Amino acid sequence: MVPVSRRLTGPGTMAQYALDGLRRAIVAGELRPGQRIGQEEIADGLGVSVAPVREALAVLEREGQVTK
């Protein structure tokens, strides 16, 4: 299981919340290069649905941080 279960607080959309959580996990080394990212697992860890995680992953893909 990916340890992304830290709860983030602050204003913004659920997609931004998921994006912040994923970025923190990448920077902290919790998500490593080449590691497969399970949308459902990340969503469960962040306490959100899969849709915001999918949106966040799309942003990270556009930035070149993740690939499909």
C-alpha atoms as a PDB file:
ATOM      1  CA  MET A   1       0.000   0.000   0.000  1.00  0.00           C
ATOM      2  CA  VAL A   2       1.226   3.486  -0.860  1.00  0.00           C
ATOM      3  CA  PRO A   3       1.533   5.598   2.320  1.00  0.00           C
ATOM      4  CA  VAL A   4      -0.398   8.640   1.074  1.00  0.00           C
ATOM      5  CA  SER A   5      -2.821   8.640   3.964  1.00  0.00           C
ATOM      6  CA  ARG A   6      -1.839  12.039   5.353  1.00  0.00           C
ATOM      7  CA  ARG A   7      -4.822  14.340   5.428  1.00  0.00           C
ATOM      8  CA  LEU A   8      -4.206  17.752   3.900  1.00  0.00           C
ATOM      9  CA  THR A   9      -6.145  20.786   4.956  1.00  0.00           C
ATOM     10  CA  GLY A  10      -6.880  24.089   3.307  1.00  0.00           C
ATOM     11  CA  PRO A  11      -9.033  25.636   0.623  1.00  0.00           C
ATOM     12  CA  GLY A  12      -9.392  24.337  -2.912  1.00  0.00           C
ATOM     13  CA  THR A  13     -11.055  21.678  -4.947  1.00  0.00           C
ATOM     14  CA  MET A  14     -10.845  17.972  -4.290  1.00  0.00           C
ATOM     15  CA  ALA A  15      -8.677  17.669  -7.400  1.00  0.00           C
ATOM     16  CA  GLN A  16      -6.265  20.241  -5.950  1.00  0.00           C
ATOM     17  CA  TYR A  17      -6.286  18.341  -2.661  1.00  0.00           C
ATOM     18  CA  ALA A  18      -5.420  15.127  -4.518  1.00  0.00           C
ATOM     19  CA  LEU A  19      -2.764  16.911  -6.557  1.00  0.00           C
ATOM     20  CA  ASP A  20      -1.145  18.301  -3.406  1.00  0.00           C
ATOM     21  CA  GLY A  21      -1.189  14.855  -1.809  1.00  0.00           C
ATOM     22  CA  LEU A  22       0.390  13.214  -4.843  1.00  0.00           C
ATOM     23  CA  ARG A  23       3.060  15.900  -5.109  1.00  0.00           C
ATOM     24  CA  ARG A  24       3.934  15.490  -1.436  1.00  0.00           C
ATOM     25  CA  ALA A  25       4.166  11.718  -1.885  1.00  0.00           C
ATOM     26  CA  ILE A  26       6.481  12.149  -4.881  1.00  0.00           C
ATOM     27  CA  VAL A  27       8.742  14.633  -3.079  1.00  0.00           C
ATOM     28  CA  ALA A  28       8.824  12.474   0.070  1.00  0.00           C
ATOM     29  CA  GLY A  29       9.835   9.446  -1.991  1.00  0.00           C
ATOM     30  CA  GLU A  30       6.656   7.556  -1.124  1.00  0.00           C
ATOM     31  CA  LEU A  31       5.971   7.259  -4.850  1.00  0.00           C
ATOM     32  CA  ARG A  32       9.112   6.195  -6.682  1.00  0.00           C
ATOM     33  CA  PRO A  33      10.110   6.483 -10.347  1.00  0.00           C
ATOM     34  CA  GLY A  34       8.594   3.642 -12.324  1.00  0.00           C
ATOM     35  CA  GLN A  35       6.150   2.728  -9.571  1.00  0.00           C
ATOM     36  CA  ARG A  36       2.606   1.977 -10.686  1.00  0.00           C
ATOM     37  CA  ILE A  37       0.074   4.345  -9.120  1.00  0.00           C
ATOM     38  CA  GLY A  38      -3.299   2.798  -8.310  1.00  0.00           C
ATOM     39  CA  GLN A  39      -6.032   5.421  -8.525  1.00  0.00           C
ATOM     40  CA  GLU A  40      -8.291   3.597  -6.087  1.00  0.00           C
ATOM     41  CA  GLU A  41      -5.501   3.127  -3.551  1.00  0.00           C
ATOM     42  CA  ILE A  42      -4.544   6.809  -3.698  1.00  0.00           C
ATOM     43  CA  ALA A  43      -8.199   7.857  -3.452  1.00  0.00           C
ATOM     44  CA  ASP A  44      -8.713   5.653  -0.385  1.00  0.00           C
ATOM     45  CA  GLY A  45      -5.561   6.999   1.236  1.00  0.00           C
ATOM     46  CA  LEU A  46      -6.632  10.597   0.687  1.00  0.00           C
ATOM     47  CA  GLY A  47     -10.277   9.987   1.550  1.00  0.00           C
ATOM     48  CA  VAL A  48     -11.586  11.188  -1.816  1.00  0.00           C
ATOM     49  CA  SER A  49     -13.269   9.572  -4.794  1.00  0.00           C
ATOM     50  CA  VAL A  50     -11.324   8.398  -7.833  1.00  0.00           C
ATOM     51  CA  ALA A  51     -12.393  11.363 -10.023  1.00  0.00           C
ATOM     52  CA  PRO A  52     -10.202  13.997  -8.262  1.00  0.00           C
ATOM     53  CA  VAL A  53      -7.259  11.586  -8.281  1.00  0.00           C
ATOM     54  CA  ARG A  54      -7.741  11.044 -12.019  1.00  0.00           C
ATOM     55  CA  GLU A  55      -7.779  14.829 -12.560  1.00  0.00           C
ATOM     56  CA  ALA A  56      -4.652  15.251 -10.435  1.00  0.00           C
ATOM     57  CA  LEU A  57      -2.835  12.513 -12.338  1.00  0.00           C
ATOM     58  CA  ALA A  58      -3.753  14.235 -15.624  1.00  0.00           C
ATOM     59  CA  VAL A  59      -2.119  17.442 -14.349  1.00  0.00           C
ATOM     60  CA  LEU A  60       1.000  15.541 -13.289  1.00  0.00           C
ATOM     61  CA  GLU A  61       1.115  13.825 -16.674  1.00  0.00           C
ATOM     62  CA  ARG A  62       0.953  17.186 -18.493  1.00  0.00           C
ATOM     63  CA  GLU A  63       3.819  18.381 -16.290  1.00  0.00           C
ATOM     64  CA  GLY A  64       5.860  15.285 -17.120  1.00  0.00           C
ATOM     65  CA  GLN A  65       5.824  14.000 -13.527  1.00  0.00           C
ATOM     66  CA  VAL A  66       3.965  10.745 -14.336  1.00  0.00           C
ATOM     67  CA  THR A  67       3.323   8.693 -17.470  1.00  0.00           C
ATOM     68  CA  LYS A  68       0.511   6.363 -18.465  1.00  0.00           C
END
